Protein backbone atom coordinates (compact mmCIF):
# COMPACT_ATOMS: atom_id res chain seq x y z
CA MET A 1 6.08 -17.64 -11.43
CA ARG A 2 8.81 -20.24 -11.66
CA SER A 3 8.40 -22.39 -8.61
CA ALA A 4 10.78 -24.97 -7.10
CA ARG A 5 7.71 -24.07 -10.23
CA SER A 6 -10.90 -31.38 -27.13
CA ALA A 7 -10.99 -27.92 -28.46
CA ARG A 8 -9.76 -26.86 -31.91
CA PRO A 9 -6.05 -26.01 -31.67
CA LEU A 10 -4.59 -22.99 -33.35
CA ALA A 11 -0.98 -24.15 -33.72
CA LEU A 12 1.98 -21.92 -34.42
CA ALA A 13 5.33 -23.03 -35.78
CA ALA A 14 8.59 -21.42 -34.74
CA VAL A 15 8.24 -17.79 -35.73
CA THR A 16 10.66 -15.27 -37.13
CA VAL A 17 10.63 -12.15 -35.00
CA ALA A 18 11.49 -9.11 -37.11
CA LEU A 19 13.54 -6.54 -35.23
CA ALA A 20 11.50 -3.77 -36.79
CA ALA A 21 8.44 -5.03 -34.95
CA PHE A 22 10.06 -4.03 -31.68
CA ALA A 23 11.24 -0.56 -32.51
CA ALA A 24 10.31 0.91 -29.10
CA PRO A 25 12.88 3.37 -27.76
CA ALA A 26 15.49 1.90 -25.45
CA ALA A 27 14.96 2.59 -21.77
CA ALA A 28 17.54 4.92 -20.29
CA ALA A 29 19.31 3.80 -17.15
CA ASP A 30 17.59 6.50 -15.09
CA ASP A 31 14.04 6.21 -16.50
CA LEU A 32 12.75 4.11 -13.60
CA ALA A 33 9.99 5.90 -11.69
CA THR A 34 9.18 5.17 -8.06
CA ALA A 35 5.78 4.68 -6.42
CA HIS A 36 4.82 3.77 -2.86
CA ALA A 37 1.95 1.73 -1.48
CA ARG A 38 -0.52 3.42 0.82
CA LEU A 39 -1.52 0.24 2.64
CA GLU A 40 -1.22 -3.55 2.56
CA THR A 41 -3.08 -6.71 3.52
CA PRO A 42 -2.03 -8.93 6.45
CA PRO A 43 0.96 -11.22 5.89
CA ASN A 44 0.47 -14.77 4.60
CA PHE A 45 2.85 -17.52 5.67
CA ASP A 46 3.50 -20.54 3.48
CA ASP A 47 4.06 -23.06 6.26
CA LYS A 48 1.92 -25.35 8.41
CA ALA A 49 1.38 -22.69 11.08
CA GLY A 50 0.24 -20.25 8.40
CA GLY A 51 -2.06 -22.72 6.67
CA SER A 52 0.18 -22.86 3.57
CA ALA A 53 -1.00 -19.39 2.55
CA ASN A 54 0.96 -17.86 -0.33
CA ALA A 55 -0.45 -14.72 -1.98
CA ASP A 56 -0.38 -14.87 -5.77
CA ASP A 57 -2.90 -12.84 -7.79
CA PRO A 58 -5.46 -10.09 -6.97
CA ALA A 59 -8.68 -8.82 -8.51
CA ILE A 60 -10.63 -5.63 -7.75
CA TRP A 61 -14.44 -5.55 -7.54
CA ASN A 62 -16.48 -2.33 -7.61
CA HIS A 63 -19.70 -2.27 -5.58
CA PRO A 64 -22.63 -1.05 -7.71
CA SER A 65 -23.61 1.79 -5.37
CA ASP A 66 -21.35 2.08 -2.29
CA ARG A 67 -17.59 2.67 -2.44
CA GLY A 68 -17.39 1.38 1.13
CA GLY A 69 -18.41 -2.03 -0.20
CA ASP A 70 -15.65 -2.33 -2.81
CA LEU A 71 -13.47 -5.44 -2.52
CA VAL A 72 -10.07 -6.86 -3.37
CA ILE A 73 -10.01 -10.64 -3.89
CA GLY A 74 -6.71 -12.53 -3.74
CA THR A 75 -5.59 -16.10 -4.36
CA LEU A 76 -3.51 -17.79 -1.66
CA LYS A 77 -2.62 -21.01 -3.51
CA LYS A 78 -3.17 -24.01 -1.16
CA ALA A 79 -4.92 -21.73 1.35
CA GLY A 80 -7.63 -20.82 -1.15
CA LEU A 81 -9.11 -17.37 -1.60
CA ALA A 82 -9.07 -14.25 0.60
CA VAL A 83 -11.46 -11.29 0.38
CA TYR A 84 -10.35 -7.87 1.64
CA ASP A 85 -12.05 -4.53 2.11
CA THR A 86 -10.35 -1.45 0.67
CA ALA A 87 -8.56 -0.80 3.96
CA GLY A 88 -6.78 -4.14 3.50
CA HIS A 89 -8.70 -6.00 6.23
CA GLU A 90 -9.56 -9.63 5.48
CA ILE A 91 -13.31 -10.22 5.68
CA GLN A 92 -13.57 -13.73 4.21
CA ARG A 93 -11.39 -16.78 3.61
CA LEU A 94 -12.59 -19.56 1.30
CA PRO A 95 -10.60 -22.81 1.40
CA ALA A 96 -9.34 -24.63 -1.65
CA PRO A 97 -10.93 -28.07 -2.12
CA ALA A 98 -9.44 -30.97 -0.22
CA ALA A 99 -7.81 -33.82 -2.09
CA PRO A 100 -10.53 -36.28 -3.15
CA GLY A 101 -8.44 -39.31 -2.21
CA ASP A 102 -5.09 -40.60 -1.02
CA GLY A 103 -2.35 -39.54 -3.38
CA ASP A 104 -4.53 -36.94 -5.11
CA SER A 105 -3.58 -33.28 -5.35
CA PRO A 106 -5.58 -30.84 -3.20
CA GLY A 107 -6.95 -27.60 -4.60
CA ARG A 108 -4.47 -24.79 -5.27
CA PHE A 109 -5.83 -21.42 -6.39
CA ASN A 110 -3.62 -19.60 -8.87
CA ASN A 111 -5.34 -16.62 -10.54
CA VAL A 112 -8.58 -14.70 -10.06
CA ASP A 113 -10.59 -12.27 -12.17
CA VAL A 114 -14.02 -10.61 -12.00
CA VAL A 115 -16.92 -10.53 -14.49
CA TYR A 116 -19.78 -8.05 -14.08
CA GLY A 117 -23.43 -8.35 -15.04
CA TRP A 118 -23.89 -11.98 -16.04
CA LYS A 119 -27.50 -13.18 -16.13
CA LEU A 120 -27.53 -16.24 -13.88
CA GLY A 121 -30.65 -17.82 -12.39
CA GLY A 122 -32.90 -15.08 -13.75
CA LYS A 123 -30.94 -12.12 -12.39
CA LYS A 124 -27.73 -10.29 -13.16
CA VAL A 125 -24.83 -11.11 -10.89
CA ASP A 126 -21.14 -10.38 -10.63
CA VAL A 127 -18.80 -13.34 -10.30
CA ALA A 128 -15.21 -14.00 -9.29
CA VAL A 129 -13.55 -16.66 -11.46
CA VAL A 130 -10.55 -18.67 -10.19
CA SER A 131 -8.13 -21.17 -11.72
CA ASP A 132 -7.66 -24.20 -9.46
CA ARG A 133 -4.28 -25.55 -10.45
CA GLY A 134 -4.46 -28.42 -7.97
CA ARG A 135 -7.73 -29.89 -9.26
CA ASP A 136 -7.58 -28.58 -12.87
CA THR A 137 -10.87 -26.72 -12.67
CA ILE A 138 -12.35 -23.25 -13.14
CA ARG A 139 -14.16 -22.22 -9.96
CA THR A 140 -16.87 -19.54 -9.89
CA TYR A 141 -18.10 -17.44 -6.94
CA VAL A 142 -21.14 -15.14 -6.90
CA ILE A 143 -20.48 -11.79 -5.19
CA ASP A 144 -23.26 -10.49 -2.90
CA PRO A 145 -23.34 -6.66 -2.89
CA ALA A 146 -25.41 -6.48 0.33
CA ALA A 147 -22.92 -8.63 2.23
CA ALA A 148 -20.00 -6.66 0.79
CA LYS A 149 -21.55 -3.38 1.90
CA GLU A 150 -21.85 -4.72 5.46
CA HIS A 151 -18.37 -6.30 5.38
CA ARG A 152 -19.88 -9.75 5.77
CA ALA A 153 -18.67 -12.76 3.77
CA PRO A 154 -19.69 -11.75 0.20
CA LEU A 155 -18.58 -14.72 -1.94
CA THR A 156 -20.51 -17.95 -2.48
CA ASP A 157 -19.10 -20.89 -4.43
CA VAL A 158 -21.43 -21.87 -7.28
CA THR A 159 -19.04 -24.18 -9.15
CA ASP A 160 -20.70 -27.22 -10.72
CA PRO A 161 -19.20 -30.18 -8.83
CA SER A 162 -19.53 -32.32 -11.95
CA ALA A 163 -17.51 -29.97 -14.16
CA PRO A 164 -14.75 -31.91 -15.94
CA PRO A 165 -11.04 -31.06 -15.67
CA VAL A 166 -10.02 -28.10 -17.81
CA PHE A 167 -7.17 -29.89 -19.59
CA SER A 168 -6.63 -33.33 -18.03
CA SER A 169 -8.24 -36.50 -19.32
CA SER A 170 -7.84 -38.59 -16.15
CA ALA A 171 -7.25 -38.35 -12.40
CA ALA A 172 -3.66 -39.42 -12.97
CA GLU A 173 -3.16 -36.58 -15.40
CA VAL A 174 -4.62 -34.10 -12.90
CA ASN A 175 -2.15 -35.34 -10.30
CA GLY A 176 0.65 -34.80 -12.83
CA GLN A 177 -0.21 -31.08 -12.52
CA ARG A 178 -0.14 -29.99 -16.14
CA THR A 179 -3.27 -28.20 -15.13
CA ALA A 180 -5.16 -24.88 -15.22
CA TYR A 181 -2.66 -22.16 -14.35
CA GLY A 182 -3.03 -18.52 -15.40
CA LEU A 183 -6.52 -17.06 -15.89
CA ALA A 184 -8.28 -14.02 -17.32
CA ALA A 185 -12.03 -13.46 -17.60
CA TRP A 186 -14.29 -10.94 -19.32
CA ARG A 187 -17.88 -10.52 -20.52
CA GLY A 188 -18.28 -10.89 -24.26
CA GLY A 189 -20.50 -8.77 -26.47
CA ASP A 190 -23.08 -11.56 -26.25
CA GLY A 191 -23.24 -11.09 -22.44
CA VAL A 192 -21.55 -14.44 -21.80
CA PRO A 193 -18.47 -14.63 -19.55
CA TYR A 194 -15.38 -15.93 -21.32
CA VAL A 195 -12.34 -17.30 -19.56
CA ALA A 196 -8.82 -17.81 -20.87
CA VAL A 197 -6.81 -20.42 -18.97
CA SER A 198 -3.19 -21.36 -19.56
CA ARG A 199 -1.88 -24.89 -19.06
CA ARG A 200 1.02 -25.25 -16.66
CA ASN A 201 4.42 -26.22 -18.18
CA THR A 202 3.04 -25.96 -21.72
CA THR A 203 2.48 -23.17 -24.25
CA ARG A 204 -1.28 -23.77 -24.45
CA VAL A 205 -3.95 -21.19 -23.68
CA GLY A 206 -7.52 -22.51 -23.66
CA LEU A 207 -10.54 -20.29 -24.28
CA PHE A 208 -13.76 -21.27 -22.48
CA ARG A 209 -17.20 -19.84 -21.81
CA LEU A 210 -19.01 -20.13 -18.50
CA VAL A 211 -22.23 -22.15 -18.61
CA ALA A 212 -25.12 -22.10 -16.14
CA THR A 213 -26.56 -25.50 -15.24
CA ALA A 214 -30.18 -26.38 -14.52
CA SER A 215 -29.35 -26.60 -10.82
CA GLY A 216 -28.07 -23.02 -10.72
CA LYS A 217 -24.41 -24.01 -10.63
CA VAL A 218 -21.72 -22.87 -13.08
CA GLY A 219 -19.62 -25.01 -15.40
CA TYR A 220 -17.67 -24.23 -18.55
CA ALA A 221 -17.42 -25.26 -22.17
CA PRO A 222 -14.37 -25.12 -24.47
CA VAL A 223 -14.25 -22.65 -27.35
CA ARG A 224 -10.77 -23.25 -28.80
CA ASN A 225 -7.09 -23.56 -27.89
CA VAL A 226 -4.17 -21.35 -28.83
CA ASP A 227 -0.76 -23.02 -28.84
CA LEU A 228 2.02 -20.45 -28.64
CA PRO A 229 5.50 -21.28 -29.93
CA SER A 230 8.08 -23.13 -27.86
CA SER A 231 10.96 -22.22 -30.19
CA PHE A 232 11.75 -19.15 -32.25
CA ALA A 233 13.57 -18.42 -35.50
CA LEU A 234 16.14 -15.66 -35.02
CA PRO A 235 17.21 -12.95 -37.49
CA ASP A 236 20.64 -14.58 -37.89
CA GLY A 237 19.05 -17.76 -39.22
CA GLY A 238 19.37 -19.71 -35.98
CA THR A 239 16.65 -21.07 -33.74
CA TRP A 240 16.27 -20.29 -30.05
CA THR A 241 14.39 -22.40 -27.50
CA PRO A 242 13.98 -20.99 -23.99
CA CYS A 243 15.68 -23.14 -21.37
CA GLU A 244 13.26 -25.10 -19.19
CA GLU A 245 13.39 -28.19 -17.04
CA PRO A 246 13.32 -31.42 -19.10
CA GLY A 247 9.84 -32.14 -20.45
CA GLU A 248 8.59 -28.59 -19.91
CA ASP A 249 7.79 -25.83 -22.40
CA PRO A 250 7.80 -22.05 -21.81
CA GLN A 251 4.51 -21.47 -20.01
CA VAL A 252 2.05 -18.59 -19.71
CA GLU A 253 0.64 -17.27 -16.44
CA GLY A 254 -0.16 -13.55 -16.47
CA MET A 255 -3.08 -12.71 -18.78
CA VAL A 256 -5.70 -10.01 -19.22
CA GLY A 257 -8.66 -9.80 -21.58
CA ASP A 258 -9.46 -6.60 -23.48
CA ALA A 259 -12.91 -7.29 -24.86
CA GLU A 260 -13.29 -3.74 -26.17
CA HIS A 261 -10.36 -4.27 -28.53
CA GLY A 262 -11.07 -7.98 -29.05
CA VAL A 263 -7.71 -9.21 -27.76
CA LEU A 264 -6.17 -11.26 -25.00
CA TYR A 265 -2.72 -10.37 -23.67
CA ALA A 266 -0.66 -13.30 -22.41
CA ALA A 267 2.75 -13.20 -20.72
CA GLN A 268 4.89 -16.17 -21.76
CA GLU A 269 7.28 -16.06 -18.85
CA ASP A 270 10.66 -16.60 -20.58
CA VAL A 271 9.62 -15.07 -23.89
CA GLY A 272 7.54 -11.89 -23.63
CA ILE A 273 4.01 -10.51 -24.07
CA TRP A 274 1.62 -11.80 -26.75
CA ARG A 275 -1.38 -9.96 -28.19
CA ILE A 276 -3.86 -12.69 -29.18
CA PRO A 277 -6.95 -11.76 -31.28
CA LEU A 278 -10.10 -13.24 -29.76
CA ASP A 279 -11.52 -13.88 -33.23
CA GLY A 280 -8.91 -16.57 -33.90
CA GLY A 281 -6.36 -14.38 -35.66
CA LYS A 282 -2.61 -14.87 -35.42
CA PRO A 283 -0.95 -13.92 -32.11
CA LYS A 284 1.68 -11.18 -32.20
CA LEU A 285 4.64 -10.83 -29.84
CA VAL A 286 4.51 -7.16 -28.78
CA ASP A 287 7.50 -7.16 -26.41
CA ARG A 288 10.24 -9.59 -25.49
CA VAL A 289 12.19 -10.26 -22.32
CA LYS A 290 15.78 -9.04 -22.30
CA SER A 291 17.13 -12.61 -22.36
CA TYR A 292 15.21 -13.49 -25.55
CA GLY A 293 17.58 -15.38 -27.86
CA VAL A 294 20.32 -15.89 -25.26
CA PRO A 295 21.63 -19.48 -25.49
CA SER A 296 21.34 -21.44 -22.26
CA ALA A 297 21.11 -25.04 -21.08
CA TYR A 298 19.63 -26.91 -18.14
CA ASP A 299 22.14 -28.35 -15.65
CA PRO A 300 20.70 -31.40 -13.85
CA GLN A 301 23.30 -31.04 -11.09
CA THR A 302 22.22 -27.54 -10.07
CA GLU A 303 18.66 -27.93 -11.46
CA GLU A 304 19.07 -24.50 -13.03
CA CYS A 305 19.56 -23.01 -16.48
CA HIS A 306 22.98 -21.55 -17.25
CA VAL A 307 23.97 -19.21 -20.08
CA THR A 308 26.13 -21.03 -22.62
CA GLY A 309 26.94 -18.30 -25.13
CA ALA A 310 27.00 -14.60 -25.90
CA ASP A 311 23.85 -12.47 -25.93
CA PRO A 312 23.03 -11.98 -29.64
CA GLY A 313 21.13 -8.76 -28.87
CA TYR A 314 17.67 -9.85 -29.95
CA GLY A 315 16.01 -9.27 -26.56
CA GLY A 316 13.71 -6.45 -25.54
CA LYS A 317 14.77 -3.43 -23.48
CA HIS A 318 12.19 -3.39 -20.70
CA LEU A 319 11.14 -6.82 -19.39
CA THR A 320 13.38 -8.98 -17.23
CA ALA A 321 12.16 -12.59 -17.11
CA ASP A 322 9.87 -13.76 -15.83
CA ALA A 323 7.20 -11.68 -17.59
CA GLU A 324 4.28 -12.01 -15.19
CA GLY A 325 1.08 -10.24 -14.12
CA LEU A 326 -0.77 -8.25 -16.81
CA THR A 327 -3.52 -5.71 -16.17
CA ILE A 328 -5.24 -2.88 -18.06
CA TYR A 329 -5.90 0.68 -16.90
CA ALA A 330 -9.01 1.34 -18.98
CA LYS A 331 -10.21 4.77 -20.05
CA ASP A 332 -13.16 5.89 -22.15
CA ASP A 333 -13.11 5.32 -25.91
CA GLY A 334 -10.79 2.32 -25.65
CA GLU A 335 -7.77 4.30 -24.46
CA GLY A 336 -5.58 3.43 -21.49
CA TYR A 337 -2.52 1.40 -20.54
CA LEU A 338 -1.31 -2.17 -20.33
CA LEU A 339 0.86 -2.87 -17.27
CA ALA A 340 3.18 -5.85 -16.91
CA SER A 341 5.18 -7.22 -13.99
CA SER A 342 8.87 -7.53 -14.86
CA GLN A 343 9.49 -10.05 -12.12
CA GLY A 344 13.21 -10.54 -12.64
CA ASP A 345 14.11 -6.95 -11.70
CA ASN A 346 11.15 -6.12 -9.39
CA THR A 347 9.71 -3.48 -11.74
CA PHE A 348 6.59 -2.85 -13.80
CA VAL A 349 6.34 -1.76 -17.44
CA ALA A 350 3.63 0.47 -18.92
CA TYR A 351 2.53 0.20 -22.56
CA ASP A 352 -0.12 1.95 -24.63
CA ARG A 353 -3.35 -0.07 -24.61
CA GLU A 354 -4.17 0.59 -28.24
CA ASP A 355 -2.80 -1.27 -31.28
CA GLY A 356 0.97 -1.11 -31.33
CA ASN A 357 1.32 -1.24 -27.54
CA GLY A 358 4.11 1.35 -27.52
CA TYR A 359 6.38 1.52 -24.48
CA LEU A 360 5.51 4.33 -22.03
CA GLY A 361 7.78 3.82 -19.03
CA ARG A 362 8.86 1.69 -16.08
CA PHE A 363 8.28 1.96 -12.35
CA ARG A 364 8.85 0.10 -9.11
CA ILE A 365 6.85 -0.11 -5.90
CA ALA A 366 9.50 0.92 -3.39
CA PRO A 367 9.46 0.74 0.44
CA GLY A 368 7.76 3.72 2.05
CA THR A 369 7.51 5.06 5.58
CA SER A 370 4.86 2.57 6.72
CA VAL A 371 4.51 -0.04 3.96
CA ASP A 372 7.31 -1.99 2.25
CA GLY A 373 7.58 -2.37 -1.51
CA SER A 374 6.83 -5.20 -3.92
CA GLU A 375 9.38 -7.78 -5.02
CA GLU A 376 9.05 -10.72 -7.45
CA CYS A 377 5.48 -9.70 -8.19
CA ASP A 378 3.33 -12.49 -9.63
CA GLY A 379 -0.03 -10.79 -10.09
CA ALA A 380 -1.47 -7.28 -10.32
CA MET A 381 -4.71 -5.49 -11.10
CA VAL A 382 -5.38 -1.83 -11.81
CA THR A 383 -8.59 0.14 -12.30
CA SER A 384 -9.32 3.71 -13.28
CA ALA A 385 -12.59 3.59 -11.35
CA PRO A 386 -12.68 5.00 -7.80
CA VAL A 387 -12.26 2.23 -5.21
CA GLY A 388 -12.99 2.90 -1.53
CA ASP A 389 -10.91 5.90 -0.50
CA PHE A 390 -8.75 5.55 -3.62
CA LYS A 391 -10.69 8.19 -5.53
CA HIS A 392 -8.23 8.41 -8.41
CA GLY A 393 -7.98 4.69 -9.17
CA LEU A 394 -6.15 1.78 -7.57
CA LEU A 395 -3.30 -0.58 -8.42
CA VAL A 396 -3.05 -3.77 -6.33
CA VAL A 397 0.14 -5.82 -6.60
CA GLN A 398 1.35 -9.05 -5.04
CA ASP A 399 4.51 -8.84 -2.95
CA GLY A 400 6.61 -12.01 -3.04
CA PHE A 401 8.86 -10.89 -0.18
CA ASN A 402 6.77 -9.08 2.40
CA ALA A 403 8.67 -7.31 5.17
CA PRO A 404 9.54 -7.45 7.97
CA ASP A 405 10.88 -10.99 8.12
CA GLU A 406 9.35 -13.33 10.67
CA THR A 407 11.06 -16.41 12.07
CA GLY A 408 9.24 -19.69 12.67
CA ALA A 409 9.58 -22.13 15.54
CA ASP A 410 12.38 -23.85 13.62
CA GLY A 411 14.42 -20.66 13.54
CA GLN A 412 14.01 -20.26 9.77
CA VAL A 413 12.64 -17.15 8.07
CA ARG A 414 9.05 -17.87 7.01
CA THR A 415 7.89 -17.39 3.41
CA ASN A 416 5.89 -14.18 3.75
CA THR A 417 3.66 -12.69 1.01
CA ASN A 418 0.78 -10.23 0.74
CA PHE A 419 -0.83 -7.55 -1.45
CA LYS A 420 0.01 -3.83 -1.66
CA PHE A 421 -2.55 -1.09 -2.46
CA VAL A 422 -1.13 1.79 -4.53
CA ASP A 423 -2.92 5.06 -5.36
CA TRP A 424 -2.87 5.30 -9.18
CA ARG A 425 -1.49 8.85 -8.97
CA GLU A 426 1.71 7.41 -7.47
CA VAL A 427 2.29 5.64 -10.79
CA ALA A 428 0.74 8.11 -13.23
CA GLU A 429 2.36 11.36 -12.18
CA PRO A 430 6.06 10.43 -12.51
CA LEU A 431 5.38 8.65 -15.82
CA ASP A 432 3.15 11.44 -17.15
CA LEU A 433 0.21 9.06 -17.56
CA ASP A 434 -3.41 10.14 -17.31
CA VAL A 435 -5.48 10.13 -14.13
CA ALA A 436 -9.08 9.69 -15.24
CA PRO A 437 -11.24 8.65 -12.26
CA GLY A 438 -14.79 7.77 -13.16
CA ASP A 439 -14.37 8.14 -16.94
CA TRP A 440 -14.68 4.38 -17.31
CA ASN A 441 -17.20 2.14 -15.56
CA PRO A 442 -16.45 -1.61 -15.29
CA ARG A 443 -20.19 -2.33 -15.44
CA ASP A 444 -20.70 -0.71 -18.85
């Protein structure tokens, strides 16, 4: 989301993007499907009265034996982490860390993901993993199934307090906020949880593994870095660099790991979606935003980017920048779908999960009779597994403009965000996608 916004590097030079690599059929003007949310979480208000709560990214956790104990976990930026039951009721709030000193940045939670079945302290546990943009750390929380089943506070922070910053080399650099931003986590074939973390305002994605300490806490160790391009060679022989504020590069936030296929998907906001091999192979741009290649320049007077020339026609057909939240609807045998938030036009795009990532359709979460839609969505998560009363799978999306509007004591409309819960059938049926509840188990 654009806000008012010593590992081995794998560097990439400016790349030539062949048009043939993006030969997906153009989307017709009327191909946009409509889905509606069944329920939503309480509103979050990003002001002092609301505790600076701003919903950003959700994760879904399946209880091992009781669908009534399933959870949705959401980041609230400066307000920390919220835990919801599958009726959308908040059952726990965990604060972000306070600033360690005067002038230091406080914690700010950006993205969250879940890893199942990690052996920690002699037993297998499930953990929620969070990127703390404010303090440049990866935070880890053990999930207690017994507490979740009873709708008691199920998350416990087990982060090693001595863990070093993810990217920064000093306190001053942490406070500069080129810090841990987007996050995706998964369990590798070796049973170890791996975490991909992007660096704010840069093209870097760092790969880490979680590490258990002797005291039972959790830290992390670097594996390698992937540096995506910041400029791109065009078919006409020119070079295009996405417009950013001075000193910034086109960053990544939305990511999702697909361990079964050995890839990480990363959404470079102003560029498109990358498929990054986890074995260190060369990343591939599998779709581009519509504005890819359009010349633009930053205007310091307006503090905005303005188009400076004609569209050369090298952009994609489906994504309107920013490209944001990525999530995978997993089916048996490695099949399923990759979903992406097309934040600029309040839609979502569905792709085939398997190699090639062919375009399958677009949809929006529109206002319904009792729950409003989703606009400027930052984060999303989908699962094919039954969740609570969502027996056919669940899609959870962030809503950047929750309705109805509420006015603060100053007479101004308050920044209001939350999460929407969408029955998977609402998405699948109009797009002719599969509904496969229970075919895939996140614990396998």
